[in-house]
Amino acid sequence: IDLGCGTGELTKILHERSGAAQTLGLDSSDTMLAKSAAQAGNGLSFAQGDITEFSGTFDLVFSNAALQWINGHEELIPKIADHVQAGGQLAFQVPANADHPSHVVAHRIAREEPFATALQGYSRQWPVLAPERYAEILDGLGFGELTIRLEVYGHHLESTDGVVEWVKGSLLTDYERRMPAELFQDYVARYRDQLIRELGMHSPYFYAFKRILVRGRKGSR
């Protein structure tokens, strides 16, 4: 099962490279699932569902850049691990760049007016744990063959302004859906101004993006 499968392209690659007989892509978004339908077939299927409430047990429970949208990883990871069959594997990847100015500035602007009032005081909390904590949790659940690492993926963007466009399509969507469209445009303008002030305008710009990659096998400790 692929939790938070999105449009399904990566799910199809996972299905084919793993040689799985059956793979299920799970996502809560109607829009994403409408796009993933084109990938279905040959044992690959898709369904709408919630990562925190799905049912069944699987040989491989996989998630790529989706779990960071769910709070409470101390409780979430054991809950997901329950769906891994004995001898099966859990593998997931989550961004770990909450300390980068691209994120720090976004939250700082969200606490300024008039955005703070529109957001009713909301500021996104980052649920991603330290790599060693994921290791401790999985070890405690009887997982072995643990491979857990923090890796930096460098992205060469055309300019510093490219970071704004990058974050608009990820982190800032959480703020976008919580404020009026016109106000969100003001928010983005303020964010762009402050981020470039902090990072400087560079062309190209090297965006150092940290991710945590986690893999373990159940019952092999």
C-alpha atoms as a PDB file:
ATOM      1  CA  ILE A   1       0.000   0.000   0.000  1.00  0.00           C
ATOM      2  CA  ASP A   2       1.167   3.519  -0.863  1.00  0.00           C
ATOM      3  CA  LEU A   3      -0.157   6.032   1.664  1.00  0.00           C
ATOM      4  CA  GLY A   4      -0.799   9.439   0.140  1.00  0.00           C
ATOM      5  CA  CYS A   5      -0.241   8.193  -3.403  1.00  0.00           C
ATOM      6  CA  GLY A   6      -1.146  11.464  -5.123  1.00  0.00           C
ATOM      7  CA  THR A   7      -1.390  11.149  -8.893  1.00  0.00           C
ATOM      8  CA  GLY A   8      -0.072   7.588  -8.855  1.00  0.00           C
ATOM      9  CA  GLU A   9       3.014   7.855 -11.063  1.00  0.00           C
ATOM     10  CA  LEU A  10       5.378   6.918  -8.246  1.00  0.00           C
ATOM     11  CA  THR A  11       2.974   4.230  -7.042  1.00  0.00           C
ATOM     12  CA  LYS A  12       3.194   2.592 -10.434  1.00  0.00           C
ATOM     13  CA  ILE A  13       6.996   2.628 -10.270  1.00  0.00           C
ATOM     14  CA  LEU A  14       6.840   1.139  -6.760  1.00  0.00           C
ATOM     15  CA  HIS A  15       4.452  -1.570  -7.976  1.00  0.00           C
ATOM     16  CA  GLU A  16       6.584  -2.520 -10.955  1.00  0.00           C
ATOM     17  CA  ARG A  17      10.000  -2.415  -9.294  1.00  0.00           C
ATOM     18  CA  SER A  18       8.859  -4.348  -6.217  1.00  0.00           C
ATOM     19  CA  GLY A  19       7.287  -7.067  -8.342  1.00  0.00           C
ATOM     20  CA  ALA A  20       4.186  -6.915  -6.148  1.00  0.00           C
ATOM     21  CA  ALA A  21       1.150  -8.970  -7.145  1.00  0.00           C
ATOM     22  CA  GLN A  22      -1.193  -6.315  -5.776  1.00  0.00           C
ATOM     23  CA  THR A  23      -0.568  -2.691  -4.838  1.00  0.00           C
ATOM     24  CA  LEU A  24      -3.113  -0.229  -3.475  1.00  0.00           C
ATOM     25  CA  GLY A  25      -2.629   3.521  -3.734  1.00  0.00           C
ATOM     26  CA  LEU A  26      -4.522   5.408  -1.030  1.00  0.00           C
ATOM     27  CA  ASP A  27      -5.273   9.137  -1.102  1.00  0.00           C
ATOM     28  CA  SER A  28      -7.918  11.417   0.387  1.00  0.00           C
ATOM     29  CA  SER A  29      -8.087  13.780  -2.606  1.00  0.00           C
ATOM     30  CA  ASP A  30     -10.692  13.286  -5.346  1.00  0.00           C
ATOM     31  CA  THR A  31      -8.556  15.421  -7.651  1.00  0.00           C
ATOM     32  CA  MET A  32      -5.482  13.250  -7.168  1.00  0.00           C
ATOM     33  CA  LEU A  33      -7.424  10.021  -7.557  1.00  0.00           C
ATOM     34  CA  ALA A  34      -8.984  11.234 -10.797  1.00  0.00           C
ATOM     35  CA  LYS A  35      -5.458  11.560 -12.171  1.00  0.00           C
ATOM     36  CA  SER A  36      -4.216   8.284 -10.697  1.00  0.00           C
ATOM     37  CA  ALA A  37      -6.912   6.272 -12.487  1.00  0.00           C
ATOM     38  CA  ALA A  38      -4.788   6.328 -15.641  1.00  0.00           C
ATOM     39  CA  GLN A  39      -2.069   4.353 -13.815  1.00  0.00           C
ATOM     40  CA  ALA A  40      -4.356   1.525 -12.646  1.00  0.00           C
ATOM     41  CA  GLY A  41      -4.163  -2.018 -13.970  1.00  0.00           C
ATOM     42  CA  ASN A  42      -2.006  -5.143 -13.797  1.00  0.00           C
ATOM     43  CA  GLY A  43      -2.551  -5.475 -10.059  1.00  0.00           C
ATOM     44  CA  LEU A  44      -2.361  -1.749  -9.286  1.00  0.00           C
ATOM     45  CA  SER A  45      -5.495  -0.059  -7.957  1.00  0.00           C
ATOM     46  CA  PHE A  46      -6.397   3.165  -6.171  1.00  0.00           C
ATOM     47  CA  ALA A  47      -8.901   4.073  -3.476  1.00  0.00           C
ATOM     48  CA  GLN A  48      -9.965   7.051  -1.434  1.00  0.00           C
ATOM     49  CA  GLY A  49      -9.120   6.859   2.228  1.00  0.00           C
ATOM     50  CA  ASP A  50      -7.515   8.391   5.287  1.00  0.00           C
ATOM     51  CA  ILE A  51      -3.945   7.493   6.232  1.00  0.00           C
ATOM     52  CA  THR A  52      -4.969   7.387   9.885  1.00  0.00           C
ATOM     53  CA  GLU A  53      -7.957   5.073   9.343  1.00  0.00           C
ATOM     54  CA  PHE A  54      -7.204   2.563   6.580  1.00  0.00           C
ATOM     55  CA  SER A  55      -7.664  -1.163   7.161  1.00  0.00           C
ATOM     56  CA  GLY A  56      -5.830  -4.378   6.321  1.00  0.00           C
ATOM     57  CA  THR A  57      -2.278  -5.673   6.644  1.00  0.00           C
ATOM     58  CA  PHE A  58       0.367  -5.515   3.930  1.00  0.00           C
ATOM     59  CA  ASP A  59       3.793  -6.877   3.014  1.00  0.00           C
ATOM     60  CA  LEU A  60       4.966  -3.326   2.357  1.00  0.00           C
ATOM     61  CA  VAL A  61       3.533  -0.125   3.795  1.00  0.00           C
ATOM     62  CA  PHE A  62       5.064   2.797   1.917  1.00  0.00           C
ATOM     63  CA  SER A  63       4.647   6.563   1.997  1.00  0.00           C
ATOM     64  CA  ASN A  64       6.483   9.286   0.100  1.00  0.00           C
ATOM     65  CA  ALA A  65       6.238  12.867   1.400  1.00  0.00           C
ATOM     66  CA  ALA A  66       2.757  12.527   2.902  1.00  0.00           C
ATOM     67  CA  LEU A  67       3.100  11.813   6.624  1.00  0.00           C
ATOM     68  CA  GLN A  68       4.392  15.327   7.344  1.00  0.00           C
ATOM     69  CA  TRP A  69       0.812  16.574   6.869  1.00  0.00           C
ATOM     70  CA  ILE A  70      -0.378  14.534   9.858  1.00  0.00           C
ATOM     71  CA  ASN A  71       0.300  15.582  13.442  1.00  0.00           C
ATOM     72  CA  GLY A  72       1.327  13.292  16.281  1.00  0.00           C
ATOM     73  CA  HIS A  73       4.004  11.047  14.812  1.00  0.00           C
ATOM     74  CA  GLU A  74       4.645   9.451  18.210  1.00  0.00           C
ATOM     75  CA  GLU A  75       1.187   7.877  17.875  1.00  0.00           C
ATOM     76  CA  LEU A  76       0.951   7.797  14.067  1.00  0.00           C
ATOM     77  CA  ILE A  77       3.986   5.618  13.329  1.00  0.00           C
ATOM     78  CA  PRO A  78       2.930   2.763  15.684  1.00  0.00           C
ATOM     79  CA  LYS A  79      -0.584   2.951  14.248  1.00  0.00           C
ATOM     80  CA  ILE A  80       0.716   2.614  10.690  1.00  0.00           C
ATOM     81  CA  ALA A  81       3.161  -0.106  11.763  1.00  0.00           C
ATOM     82  CA  ASP A  82       0.211  -2.212  12.934  1.00  0.00           C
ATOM     83  CA  HIS A  83      -0.714  -2.627   9.254  1.00  0.00           C
ATOM     84  CA  VAL A  84       2.615  -4.277   8.400  1.00  0.00           C
ATOM     85  CA  GLN A  85       2.485  -8.079   8.296  1.00  0.00           C
ATOM     86  CA  ALA A  86       5.071 -10.072  10.252  1.00  0.00           C
ATOM     87  CA  GLY A  87       8.201 -10.112   8.131  1.00  0.00           C
ATOM     88  CA  GLY A  88       6.929  -7.199   6.070  1.00  0.00           C
ATOM     89  CA  GLN A  89       8.456  -3.780   5.618  1.00  0.00           C
ATOM     90  CA  LEU A  90       7.621  -0.185   6.489  1.00  0.00           C
ATOM     91  CA  ALA A  91       9.267   2.497   4.365  1.00  0.00           C
ATOM     92  CA  PHE A  92       8.564   6.207   4.305  1.00  0.00           C
ATOM     93  CA  GLN A  93      10.144   9.537   3.500  1.00  0.00           C
ATOM     94  CA  VAL A  94       9.340  12.918   5.039  1.00  0.00           C
ATOM     95  CA  PRO A  95      10.805  16.395   4.493  1.00  0.00           C
ATOM     96  CA  ALA A  96      12.982  17.618   7.349  1.00  0.00           C
ATOM     97  CA  ASN A  97      13.697  21.216   6.378  1.00  0.00           C
ATOM     98  CA  ALA A  98      11.463  23.009   8.873  1.00  0.00           C
ATOM     99  CA  ASP A  99      14.484  24.965  10.117  1.00  0.00           C
ATOM    100  CA  HIS A 100      15.250  26.380   6.650  1.00  0.00           C
ATOM    101  CA  PRO A 101      14.339  30.075   6.139  1.00  0.00           C
ATOM    102  CA  SER A 102      11.830  28.951   3.486  1.00  0.00           C
ATOM    103  CA  HIS A 103       9.717  27.557   6.318  1.00  0.00           C
ATOM    104  CA  VAL A 104      10.746  29.742   9.247  1.00  0.00           C
ATOM    105  CA  VAL A 105       9.836  32.937   7.378  1.00  0.00           C
ATOM    106  CA  ALA A 106       6.478  31.469   6.278  1.00  0.00           C
ATOM    107  CA  HIS A 107       5.440  30.846   9.871  1.00  0.00           C
ATOM    108  CA  ARG A 108       6.728  34.229  11.019  1.00  0.00           C
ATOM    109  CA  ILE A 109       4.627  36.039   8.413  1.00  0.00           C
ATOM    110  CA  ALA A 110       1.579  33.965   9.411  1.00  0.00           C
ATOM    111  CA  ARG A 111       1.873  35.438  12.902  1.00  0.00           C
ATOM    112  CA  GLU A 112       1.809  39.016  11.558  1.00  0.00           C
ATOM    113  CA  GLU A 113      -1.336  41.058  10.979  1.00  0.00           C
ATOM    114  CA  PRO A 114      -3.624  40.994   9.115  1.00  0.00           C
ATOM    115  CA  PHE A 115      -2.775  37.351   8.443  1.00  0.00           C
ATOM    116  CA  ALA A 116      -2.848  36.219  12.077  1.00  0.00           C
ATOM    117  CA  THR A 117      -6.451  37.383  12.467  1.00  0.00           C
ATOM    118  CA  ALA A 118      -7.541  35.745   9.218  1.00  0.00           C
ATOM    119  CA  LEU A 119      -5.851  32.518  10.309  1.00  0.00           C
ATOM    120  CA  GLN A 120      -7.436  32.809  13.776  1.00  0.00           C
ATOM    121  CA  GLY A 121      -4.009  32.436  15.327  1.00  0.00           C
ATOM    122  CA  TYR A 122      -3.187  29.265  13.378  1.00  0.00           C
ATOM    123  CA  SER A 123       0.464  28.573  12.648  1.00  0.00           C
ATOM    124  CA  ARG A 124       1.446  25.240  11.171  1.00  0.00           C
ATOM    125  CA  GLN A 125       3.216  22.921  13.592  1.00  0.00           C
ATOM    126  CA  TRP A 126       5.878  20.611  12.189  1.00  0.00           C
ATOM    127  CA  PRO A 127       5.241  16.995  13.294  1.00  0.00           C
ATOM    128  CA  VAL A 128       8.372  15.405  11.804  1.00  0.00           C
ATOM    129  CA  LEU A 129      10.589  13.812  14.445  1.00  0.00           C
ATOM    130  CA  ALA A 130      14.358  13.498  14.576  1.00  0.00           C
ATOM    131  CA  PRO A 131      15.758  10.496  12.652  1.00  0.00           C
ATOM    132  CA  GLU A 132      16.931   8.835  15.856  1.00  0.00           C
ATOM    133  CA  ARG A 133      13.423   9.042  17.327  1.00  0.00           C
ATOM    134  CA  TYR A 134      11.969   7.121  14.388  1.00  0.00           C
ATOM    135  CA  ALA A 135      14.665   4.498  15.007  1.00  0.00           C
ATOM    136  CA  GLU A 136      13.738   4.275  18.685  1.00  0.00           C
ATOM    137  CA  ILE A 137      10.023   3.935  17.922  1.00  0.00           C
ATOM    138  CA  LEU A 138      10.481   1.210  15.319  1.00  0.00           C
ATOM    139  CA  ASP A 139      12.987  -0.695  17.440  1.00  0.00           C
ATOM    140  CA  GLY A 140      10.474  -0.637  20.283  1.00  0.00           C
ATOM    141  CA  LEU A 141       7.861  -2.083  17.931  1.00  0.00           C
ATOM    142  CA  GLY A 142      10.113  -5.003  17.029  1.00  0.00           C
ATOM    143  CA  PHE A 143      11.374  -3.740  13.690  1.00  0.00           C
ATOM    144  CA  GLY A 144      14.895  -4.635  12.625  1.00  0.00           C
ATOM    145  CA  GLU A 145      17.138  -4.159   9.590  1.00  0.00           C
ATOM    146  CA  LEU A 146      16.633  -0.450  10.240  1.00  0.00           C
ATOM    147  CA  THR A 147      17.981   1.981   7.679  1.00  0.00           C
ATOM    148  CA  ILE A 148      17.230   5.534   8.775  1.00  0.00           C
ATOM    149  CA  ARG A 149      19.104   8.509   7.432  1.00  0.00           C
ATOM    150  CA  LEU A 150      18.950  12.241   6.965  1.00  0.00           C
ATOM    151  CA  GLU A 151      19.885  13.182   3.418  1.00  0.00           C
ATOM    152  CA  VAL A 152      20.284  16.540   1.694  1.00  0.00           C
ATOM    153  CA  TYR A 153      18.788  16.780  -1.792  1.00  0.00           C
ATOM    154  CA  GLY A 154      20.218  19.790  -3.581  1.00  0.00           C
ATOM    155  CA  HIS A 155      17.924  21.556  -6.030  1.00  0.00           C
ATOM    156  CA  HIS A 156      19.393  24.094  -8.447  1.00  0.00           C
ATOM    157  CA  LEU A 157      16.676  26.696  -8.941  1.00  0.00           C
ATOM    158  CA  GLU A 158      16.770  29.482 -11.502  1.00  0.00           C
ATOM    159  CA  SER A 159      16.895  32.064  -8.731  1.00  0.00           C
ATOM    160  CA  THR A 160      16.049  32.609  -5.073  1.00  0.00           C
ATOM    161  CA  ASP A 161      12.555  33.512  -6.226  1.00  0.00           C
ATOM    162  CA  GLY A 162      12.188  29.866  -7.239  1.00  0.00           C
ATOM    163  CA  VAL A 163      12.068  28.939  -3.553  1.00  0.00           C
ATOM    164  CA  VAL A 164       8.866  30.975  -3.251  1.00  0.00           C
ATOM    165  CA  GLU A 165       7.251  29.048  -6.087  1.00  0.00           C
ATOM    166  CA  TRP A 166       8.436  25.774  -4.580  1.00  0.00           C
ATOM    167  CA  VAL A 167       6.943  26.520  -1.159  1.00  0.00           C
ATOM    168  CA  LYS A 168       3.718  27.886  -2.671  1.00  0.00           C
ATOM    169  CA  GLY A 169       3.034  24.400  -3.971  1.00  0.00           C
ATOM    170  CA  SER A 170       3.719  22.687  -0.659  1.00  0.00           C
ATOM    171  CA  LEU A 171       3.819  24.337   2.761  1.00  0.00           C
ATOM    172  CA  LEU A 172       1.927  27.506   1.821  1.00  0.00           C
ATOM    173  CA  THR A 173      -1.108  25.536   0.618  1.00  0.00           C
ATOM    174  CA  ASP A 174      -1.925  25.017   4.293  1.00  0.00           C
ATOM    175  CA  TYR A 175      -2.192  28.783   4.757  1.00  0.00           C
ATOM    176  CA  GLU A 176      -3.834  29.377   1.393  1.00  0.00           C
ATOM    177  CA  ARG A 177      -6.923  27.349   2.219  1.00  0.00           C
ATOM    178  CA  ARG A 178      -7.351  29.202   5.511  1.00  0.00           C
ATOM    179  CA  MET A 179      -7.520  32.779   4.214  1.00  0.00           C
ATOM    180  CA  PRO A 180      -9.323  34.734   1.456  1.00  0.00           C
ATOM    181  CA  ALA A 181      -7.666  34.591  -1.974  1.00  0.00           C
ATOM    182  CA  GLU A 182      -6.800  38.305  -2.084  1.00  0.00           C
ATOM    183  CA  LEU A 183      -5.290  38.226   1.376  1.00  0.00           C
ATOM    184  CA  PHE A 184      -3.257  35.163   0.483  1.00  0.00           C
ATOM    185  CA  GLN A 185      -1.744  37.081  -2.434  1.00  0.00           C
ATOM    186  CA  ASP A 186      -0.714  39.786   0.036  1.00  0.00           C
ATOM    187  CA  TYR A 187       0.729  37.082   2.267  1.00  0.00           C
ATOM    188  CA  VAL A 188       2.800  35.644  -0.597  1.00  0.00           C
ATOM    189  CA  ALA A 189       4.076  39.098  -1.539  1.00  0.00           C
ATOM    190  CA  ARG A 190       5.139  39.736   2.049  1.00  0.00           C
ATOM    191  CA  TYR A 191       6.702  36.272   2.254  1.00  0.00           C
ATOM    192  CA  ARG A 192       8.641  36.783  -0.970  1.00  0.00           C
ATOM    193  CA  ASP A 193       9.964  40.143   0.216  1.00  0.00           C
ATOM    194  CA  GLN A 194      11.112  38.811   3.590  1.00  0.00           C
ATOM    195  CA  LEU A 195      12.540  35.553   2.263  1.00  0.00           C
ATOM    196  CA  ILE A 196      14.639  37.255  -0.406  1.00  0.00           C
ATOM    197  CA  ARG A 197      15.744  39.820   2.162  1.00  0.00           C
ATOM    198  CA  GLU A 198      16.994  36.946   4.331  1.00  0.00           C
ATOM    199  CA  LEU A 199      18.467  34.653   1.665  1.00  0.00           C
ATOM    200  CA  GLY A 200      19.585  37.308  -0.785  1.00  0.00           C
ATOM    201  CA  MET A 201      18.813  37.276  -4.498  1.00  0.00           C
ATOM    202  CA  HIS A 202      20.959  34.670  -6.216  1.00  0.00           C
ATOM    203  CA  SER A 203      20.766  33.309  -9.737  1.00  0.00           C
ATOM    204  CA  PRO A 204      20.939  30.346  -9.732  1.00  0.00           C
ATOM    205  CA  TYR A 205      20.039  29.408  -6.169  1.00  0.00           C
ATOM    206  CA  PHE A 206      21.021  26.126  -4.504  1.00  0.00           C
ATOM    207  CA  TYR A 207      18.104  24.972  -2.353  1.00  0.00           C
ATOM    208  CA  ALA A 208      19.448  22.467   0.176  1.00  0.00           C
ATOM    209  CA  PHE A 209      16.439  20.329   1.021  1.00  0.00           C
ATOM    210  CA  LYS A 210      16.713  17.805   3.861  1.00  0.00           C
ATOM    211  CA  ARG A 211      14.674  14.607   3.952  1.00  0.00           C
ATOM    212  CA  ILE A 212      14.449  11.693   6.378  1.00  0.00           C
ATOM    213  CA  LEU A 213      14.301   8.222   4.826  1.00  0.00           C
ATOM    214  CA  VAL A 214      13.087   5.365   7.020  1.00  0.00           C
ATOM    215  CA  ARG A 215      12.973   1.645   6.356  1.00  0.00           C
ATOM    216  CA  GLY A 216      12.619  -1.408   8.608  1.00  0.00           C
ATOM    217  CA  ARG A 217      11.398  -5.003   8.647  1.00  0.00           C
ATOM    218  CA  LYS A 218       8.840  -6.154  11.211  1.00  0.00           C
ATOM    219  CA  GLY A 219       9.896  -8.927  13.537  1.00  0.00           C
ATOM    220  CA  SER A 220      13.526  -9.045  12.416  1.00  0.00           C
ATOM    221  CA  ARG A 221      15.140  -7.337  15.388  1.00  0.00           C
END
